[in-house]
Every structure is written in C-alpha cells, then in structure tokens.
Amino acid sequence: MRAKQLRRGILIGILLLVAFWLISIIWGLIGKAQVAVSQANEAKAQYQILEDRKAMLKANLSALGTARGQDAAIRTSFGVAKPGEEVMVVVPSTTSAPTTTPSWWQFILDWF
C-alpha cells in the first residue's frame, strides 16, 4: 500500500512538472505571437506611409510633366521670375504708442 502511494505521488509530481513545463512553453509562444502582431501592425503603418508618399510623388511627377508645372518648380526652387515681373514686398504699418509721461498722481497711484 505504501509503495502504491509513493508511485502515485511520484506520478503526480512528474505530471505537475510536465504541466508547468507546457505552461511555460505556451507562455513563451503567446509572447512571441504578441511581438509578431505588433511588428505586423508597424509594417502595415509603414506601408501606408509609403503608399501615401508614392501617391504624392506621382502627383508631383504628373505636375512636372506639364510646362506650367516645370515653370512653378523652377520658380520655387531657384527664386526666379519671368521677364517683366516685379517683386512686391508688403510691409506692415507701424503703430506708434503715445509717448506721454504720466502725471505725478498716476505715478503714485501705480504703486498701489
């Protein structure tokens, strides 16, 4: 009877060790799956950014395919103007503040 209980105890111990080992393996796989999902989401985001950039570059290329687009690109890149065009600089108006000196009453009241 005692030997039978000892065998059951050893068997239960071995089964518990195997169960803990399997749980640790499953836990590691879950962690790896989470890393894979996050990397897949990052790759999708990068892909979307690249697709947006591709669309913008295609639009720029189609604009540069026309004479007007080439002219605009040259103007913005090199700061040139057509013959007869002039530069207009808009200067904001200056507002002058009154330069009156306060009275001696105002000077004293400003302390309080």
N, C-alpha and C. Protein backbone atom coordinates (compact mmCIF):
# COMPACT_ATOMS: atom_id res chain seq x y z
N MET A 1 0.81 -1.18 0.00
CA MET A 1 0.00 0.00 0.00
C MET A 1 0.86 1.26 0.00
N ARG A 2 1.89 1.20 0.79
CA ARG A 2 2.78 2.35 0.89
C ARG A 2 3.51 2.57 -0.44
N ALA A 3 3.89 1.52 -1.10
CA ALA A 3 4.59 1.64 -2.37
C ALA A 3 3.66 2.21 -3.44
N LYS A 4 2.40 1.83 -3.38
CA LYS A 4 1.43 2.34 -4.34
C LYS A 4 1.23 3.84 -4.16
N GLN A 5 1.16 4.32 -2.93
CA GLN A 5 1.01 5.76 -2.66
C GLN A 5 2.26 6.52 -3.11
N LEU A 6 3.43 5.89 -2.90
CA LEU A 6 4.68 6.52 -3.33
C LEU A 6 4.70 6.67 -4.85
N ARG A 7 4.28 5.62 -5.59
CA ARG A 7 4.24 5.69 -7.05
C ARG A 7 3.26 6.77 -7.52
N ARG A 8 2.09 6.84 -6.87
CA ARG A 8 1.12 7.88 -7.23
C ARG A 8 1.69 9.28 -6.96
N GLY A 9 2.38 9.43 -5.84
CA GLY A 9 2.99 10.73 -5.51
C GLY A 9 4.04 11.13 -6.54
N ILE A 10 4.88 10.17 -6.93
CA ILE A 10 5.91 10.44 -7.94
C ILE A 10 5.24 10.77 -9.28
N LEU A 11 4.21 10.00 -9.64
CA LEU A 11 3.50 10.24 -10.89
C LEU A 11 2.84 11.63 -10.89
N ILE A 12 2.21 12.00 -9.80
CA ILE A 12 1.60 13.33 -9.70
C ILE A 12 2.67 14.41 -9.78
N GLY A 13 3.80 14.22 -9.13
CA GLY A 13 4.90 15.19 -9.20
C GLY A 13 5.42 15.36 -10.61
N ILE A 14 5.60 14.22 -11.30
CA ILE A 14 6.09 14.28 -12.69
C ILE A 14 5.05 14.97 -13.58
N LEU A 15 3.78 14.63 -13.39
CA LEU A 15 2.73 15.27 -14.18
C LEU A 15 2.66 16.78 -13.92
N LEU A 16 2.85 17.18 -12.66
CA LEU A 16 2.87 18.62 -12.34
C LEU A 16 4.05 19.31 -13.01
N LEU A 17 5.22 18.66 -13.00
CA LEU A 17 6.38 19.25 -13.66
C LEU A 17 6.15 19.38 -15.17
N VAL A 18 5.57 18.36 -15.76
CA VAL A 18 5.28 18.42 -17.20
C VAL A 18 4.26 19.52 -17.48
N ALA A 19 3.25 19.65 -16.62
CA ALA A 19 2.24 20.69 -16.81
C ALA A 19 2.87 22.08 -16.73
N PHE A 20 3.73 22.30 -15.73
CA PHE A 20 4.40 23.60 -15.61
C PHE A 20 5.30 23.87 -16.81
N TRP A 21 5.96 22.82 -17.30
CA TRP A 21 6.83 22.97 -18.46
C TRP A 21 6.01 23.37 -19.69
N LEU A 22 4.87 22.70 -19.88
CA LEU A 22 4.00 23.02 -21.02
C LEU A 22 3.43 24.44 -20.89
N ILE A 23 3.06 24.85 -19.69
CA ILE A 23 2.55 26.21 -19.47
C ILE A 23 3.62 27.24 -19.80
N SER A 24 4.87 26.95 -19.41
CA SER A 24 5.94 27.91 -19.72
C SER A 24 6.18 28.00 -21.22
N ILE A 25 6.07 26.88 -21.92
CA ILE A 25 6.22 26.91 -23.38
C ILE A 25 5.09 27.71 -24.02
N ILE A 26 3.86 27.48 -23.56
CA ILE A 26 2.71 28.21 -24.10
C ILE A 26 2.85 29.70 -23.81
N TRP A 27 3.31 30.05 -22.62
CA TRP A 27 3.51 31.45 -22.25
C TRP A 27 4.52 32.12 -23.19
N GLY A 28 5.61 31.42 -23.50
CA GLY A 28 6.59 31.95 -24.43
C GLY A 28 6.03 32.14 -25.82
N LEU A 29 5.20 31.20 -26.27
CA LEU A 29 4.58 31.32 -27.59
C LEU A 29 3.62 32.50 -27.65
N ILE A 30 2.89 32.73 -26.56
CA ILE A 30 1.98 33.88 -26.52
C ILE A 30 2.77 35.18 -26.63
N GLY A 31 3.89 35.26 -25.93
CA GLY A 31 4.72 36.46 -26.01
C GLY A 31 5.25 36.69 -27.42
N LYS A 32 5.69 35.60 -28.06
CA LYS A 32 6.19 35.73 -29.43
C LYS A 32 5.07 36.13 -30.39
N ALA A 33 3.87 35.63 -30.16
CA ALA A 33 2.74 36.00 -31.01
C ALA A 33 2.41 37.48 -30.86
N GLN A 34 2.48 37.99 -29.64
CA GLN A 34 2.22 39.42 -29.43
C GLN A 34 3.26 40.27 -30.13
N VAL A 35 4.52 39.86 -30.08
CA VAL A 35 5.57 40.60 -30.77
C VAL A 35 5.33 40.57 -32.28
N ALA A 36 4.93 39.41 -32.80
CA ALA A 36 4.67 39.29 -34.24
C ALA A 36 3.50 40.18 -34.67
N VAL A 37 2.46 40.24 -33.86
CA VAL A 37 1.31 41.08 -34.20
C VAL A 37 1.69 42.55 -34.18
N SER A 38 2.46 42.97 -33.17
CA SER A 38 2.86 44.38 -33.12
C SER A 38 3.77 44.74 -34.29
N GLN A 39 4.67 43.84 -34.66
CA GLN A 39 5.53 44.11 -35.82
C GLN A 39 4.72 44.14 -37.11
N ALA A 40 3.70 43.32 -37.21
CA ALA A 40 2.84 43.34 -38.40
C ALA A 40 2.09 44.66 -38.49
N ASN A 41 1.61 45.16 -37.35
CA ASN A 41 0.91 46.45 -37.35
C ASN A 41 1.86 47.58 -37.74
N GLU A 42 3.09 47.53 -37.25
CA GLU A 42 4.08 48.56 -37.61
C GLU A 42 4.38 48.50 -39.11
N ALA A 43 4.48 47.29 -39.65
CA ALA A 43 4.75 47.15 -41.08
C ALA A 43 3.59 47.69 -41.91
N LYS A 44 2.36 47.45 -41.46
CA LYS A 44 1.20 47.99 -42.17
C LYS A 44 1.21 49.52 -42.14
N ALA A 45 1.57 50.10 -41.00
CA ALA A 45 1.62 51.56 -40.89
C ALA A 45 2.70 52.11 -41.82
N GLN A 46 3.87 51.48 -41.85
CA GLN A 46 4.94 51.93 -42.74
C GLN A 46 4.53 51.79 -44.20
N TYR A 47 3.82 50.71 -44.51
CA TYR A 47 3.35 50.51 -45.88
C TYR A 47 2.39 51.62 -46.29
N GLN A 48 1.50 51.99 -45.38
CA GLN A 48 0.54 53.06 -45.68
C GLN A 48 1.26 54.38 -45.89
N ILE A 49 2.27 54.67 -45.07
CA ILE A 49 3.05 55.89 -45.24
C ILE A 49 3.74 55.89 -46.60
N LEU A 50 4.31 54.75 -46.97
CA LEU A 50 4.99 54.67 -48.26
C LEU A 50 4.00 54.80 -49.43
N GLU A 51 2.80 54.25 -49.28
CA GLU A 51 1.79 54.39 -50.34
C GLU A 51 1.37 55.85 -50.49
N ASP A 52 1.21 56.55 -49.36
CA ASP A 52 0.86 57.98 -49.43
C ASP A 52 1.97 58.77 -50.11
N ARG A 53 3.21 58.44 -49.76
CA ARG A 53 4.34 59.14 -50.37
C ARG A 53 4.41 58.84 -51.87
N LYS A 54 4.12 57.59 -52.23
CA LYS A 54 4.11 57.21 -53.64
C LYS A 54 3.07 58.01 -54.41
N ALA A 55 1.89 58.18 -53.82
CA ALA A 55 0.84 58.95 -54.48
C ALA A 55 1.25 60.41 -54.63
N MET A 56 1.90 60.96 -53.58
CA MET A 56 2.36 62.35 -53.66
C MET A 56 3.43 62.51 -54.74
N LEU A 57 4.35 61.55 -54.81
CA LEU A 57 5.40 61.63 -55.83
C LEU A 57 4.83 61.49 -57.24
N LYS A 58 3.82 60.63 -57.40
CA LYS A 58 3.18 60.52 -58.71
C LYS A 58 2.50 61.83 -59.10
N ALA A 59 1.87 62.48 -58.12
CA ALA A 59 1.23 63.77 -58.41
C ALA A 59 2.28 64.81 -58.78
N ASN A 60 3.40 64.80 -58.08
CA ASN A 60 4.48 65.74 -58.41
C ASN A 60 5.03 65.46 -59.81
N LEU A 61 5.18 64.19 -60.14
CA LEU A 61 5.69 63.85 -61.47
C LEU A 61 4.71 64.26 -62.57
N SER A 62 3.43 64.08 -62.33
CA SER A 62 2.47 64.49 -63.35
C SER A 62 2.44 66.01 -63.47
N ALA A 63 2.65 66.73 -62.37
CA ALA A 63 2.71 68.18 -62.44
C ALA A 63 3.96 68.63 -63.18
N LEU A 64 5.06 67.93 -62.96
CA LEU A 64 6.30 68.29 -63.66
C LEU A 64 6.25 67.90 -65.13
N GLY A 65 5.29 67.10 -65.53
CA GLY A 65 5.15 66.72 -66.93
C GLY A 65 4.59 67.84 -67.79
N THR A 66 4.00 68.85 -67.17
CA THR A 66 3.46 69.98 -67.92
C THR A 66 4.44 71.15 -67.88
N ALA A 67 4.31 72.03 -68.83
CA ALA A 67 5.20 73.21 -68.87
C ALA A 67 4.92 74.12 -67.67
N ARG A 68 3.67 74.24 -67.29
CA ARG A 68 3.32 75.10 -66.16
C ARG A 68 3.91 74.54 -64.85
N GLY A 69 3.86 73.22 -64.70
CA GLY A 69 4.42 72.59 -63.50
C GLY A 69 5.93 72.76 -63.44
N GLN A 70 6.59 72.62 -64.58
CA GLN A 70 8.05 72.82 -64.62
C GLN A 70 8.39 74.26 -64.27
N ASP A 71 7.61 75.20 -64.79
CA ASP A 71 7.83 76.61 -64.51
C ASP A 71 7.66 76.89 -63.02
N ALA A 72 6.63 76.33 -62.42
CA ALA A 72 6.39 76.55 -60.99
C ALA A 72 7.50 75.93 -60.15
N ALA A 73 7.97 74.75 -60.54
CA ALA A 73 9.05 74.10 -59.79
C ALA A 73 10.33 74.91 -59.86
N ILE A 74 10.63 75.45 -61.04
CA ILE A 74 11.84 76.27 -61.19
C ILE A 74 11.72 77.54 -60.37
N ARG A 75 10.55 78.16 -60.38
CA ARG A 75 10.35 79.40 -59.62
C ARG A 75 10.52 79.16 -58.12
N THR A 76 9.94 78.09 -57.60
CA THR A 76 10.04 77.86 -56.16
C THR A 76 11.43 77.38 -55.75
N SER A 77 12.09 76.63 -56.62
CA SER A 77 13.40 76.10 -56.26
C SER A 77 14.50 77.15 -56.35
N PHE A 78 14.45 77.98 -57.37
CA PHE A 78 15.56 78.90 -57.61
C PHE A 78 15.21 80.36 -57.40
N GLY A 79 13.96 80.66 -57.12
CA GLY A 79 13.57 82.04 -56.85
C GLY A 79 13.72 82.96 -58.05
N VAL A 80 13.36 82.51 -59.22
CA VAL A 80 13.47 83.33 -60.43
C VAL A 80 12.10 83.86 -60.81
N ALA A 81 12.10 84.88 -61.68
CA ALA A 81 10.85 85.48 -62.15
C ALA A 81 10.91 85.62 -63.67
N LYS A 82 9.75 85.73 -64.27
CA LYS A 82 9.68 85.94 -65.71
C LYS A 82 10.09 87.37 -66.03
N PRO A 83 10.53 87.62 -67.25
CA PRO A 83 10.85 89.00 -67.62
C PRO A 83 9.61 89.87 -67.53
N GLY A 84 9.76 91.01 -66.89
CA GLY A 84 8.66 91.94 -66.73
C GLY A 84 7.96 91.80 -65.38
N GLU A 85 8.20 90.72 -64.66
CA GLU A 85 7.60 90.57 -63.34
C GLU A 85 8.41 91.34 -62.32
N GLU A 86 7.74 91.83 -61.33
CA GLU A 86 8.41 92.59 -60.28
C GLU A 86 8.11 91.97 -58.94
N VAL A 87 8.95 92.29 -57.99
CA VAL A 87 8.77 91.78 -56.64
C VAL A 87 8.03 92.82 -55.83
N MET A 88 7.03 92.37 -55.11
CA MET A 88 6.27 93.27 -54.25
C MET A 88 6.48 92.84 -52.81
N VAL A 89 6.95 93.77 -52.00
CA VAL A 89 7.16 93.48 -50.59
C VAL A 89 6.13 94.26 -49.80
N VAL A 90 5.35 93.56 -49.02
CA VAL A 90 4.32 94.19 -48.20
C VAL A 90 4.89 94.38 -46.81
N VAL A 91 4.95 95.64 -46.39
CA VAL A 91 5.49 95.97 -45.07
C VAL A 91 4.32 96.36 -44.18
N PRO A 92 4.20 95.73 -43.02
CA PRO A 92 3.08 96.09 -42.15
C PRO A 92 3.27 97.50 -41.60
N SER A 93 2.13 98.16 -41.38
CA SER A 93 2.22 99.52 -40.87
C SER A 93 2.64 99.48 -39.40
N THR A 94 3.39 100.48 -39.01
CA THR A 94 3.85 100.54 -37.62
C THR A 94 2.90 101.43 -36.84
N THR A 95 2.52 100.93 -35.70
CA THR A 95 1.66 101.74 -34.84
C THR A 95 2.53 102.31 -33.74
N SER A 96 2.48 103.62 -33.63
CA SER A 96 3.31 104.27 -32.61
C SER A 96 2.49 104.44 -31.34
N ALA A 97 3.10 104.07 -30.26
CA ALA A 97 2.44 104.20 -28.97
C ALA A 97 2.62 105.64 -28.48
N PRO A 98 1.62 106.18 -27.81
CA PRO A 98 1.77 107.55 -27.31
C PRO A 98 2.90 107.59 -26.27
N THR A 99 3.68 108.64 -26.41
CA THR A 99 4.84 108.78 -25.52
C THR A 99 4.61 109.89 -24.51
N THR A 100 3.47 109.86 -23.87
CA THR A 100 3.20 110.87 -22.86
C THR A 100 3.68 110.36 -21.52
N THR A 101 4.15 111.26 -20.73
CA THR A 101 4.60 110.88 -19.39
C THR A 101 3.41 110.98 -18.43
N PRO A 102 3.27 110.02 -17.54
CA PRO A 102 2.14 110.07 -16.62
C PRO A 102 2.31 111.21 -15.61
N SER A 103 1.19 111.66 -15.14
CA SER A 103 1.25 112.73 -14.14
C SER A 103 1.78 112.17 -12.83
N TRP A 104 2.10 113.06 -11.91
CA TRP A 104 2.67 112.58 -10.65
C TRP A 104 1.64 111.81 -9.84
N TRP A 105 0.32 112.11 -10.06
CA TRP A 105 -0.73 111.35 -9.38
C TRP A 105 -0.76 109.91 -9.91
N GLN A 106 -0.68 109.78 -11.21
CA GLN A 106 -0.68 108.45 -11.80
C GLN A 106 0.54 107.65 -11.35
N PHE A 107 1.65 108.33 -11.24
CA PHE A 107 2.88 107.68 -10.80
C PHE A 107 2.70 107.13 -9.37
N ILE A 108 2.09 107.90 -8.51
CA ILE A 108 1.87 107.46 -7.12
C ILE A 108 0.81 106.39 -7.07
N LEU A 109 -0.27 106.55 -7.84
CA LEU A 109 -1.35 105.55 -7.82
C LEU A 109 -0.90 104.20 -8.40
N ASP A 110 0.05 104.23 -9.31
CA ASP A 110 0.55 102.98 -9.86
C ASP A 110 1.28 102.13 -8.83
N TRP A 111 1.76 102.73 -7.78
CA TRP A 111 2.41 101.97 -6.70
C TRP A 111 1.42 101.09 -5.96
N PHE A 112 0.16 101.53 -5.92
CA PHE A 112 -0.86 100.79 -5.16
C PHE A 112 -1.58 99.91 -6.10
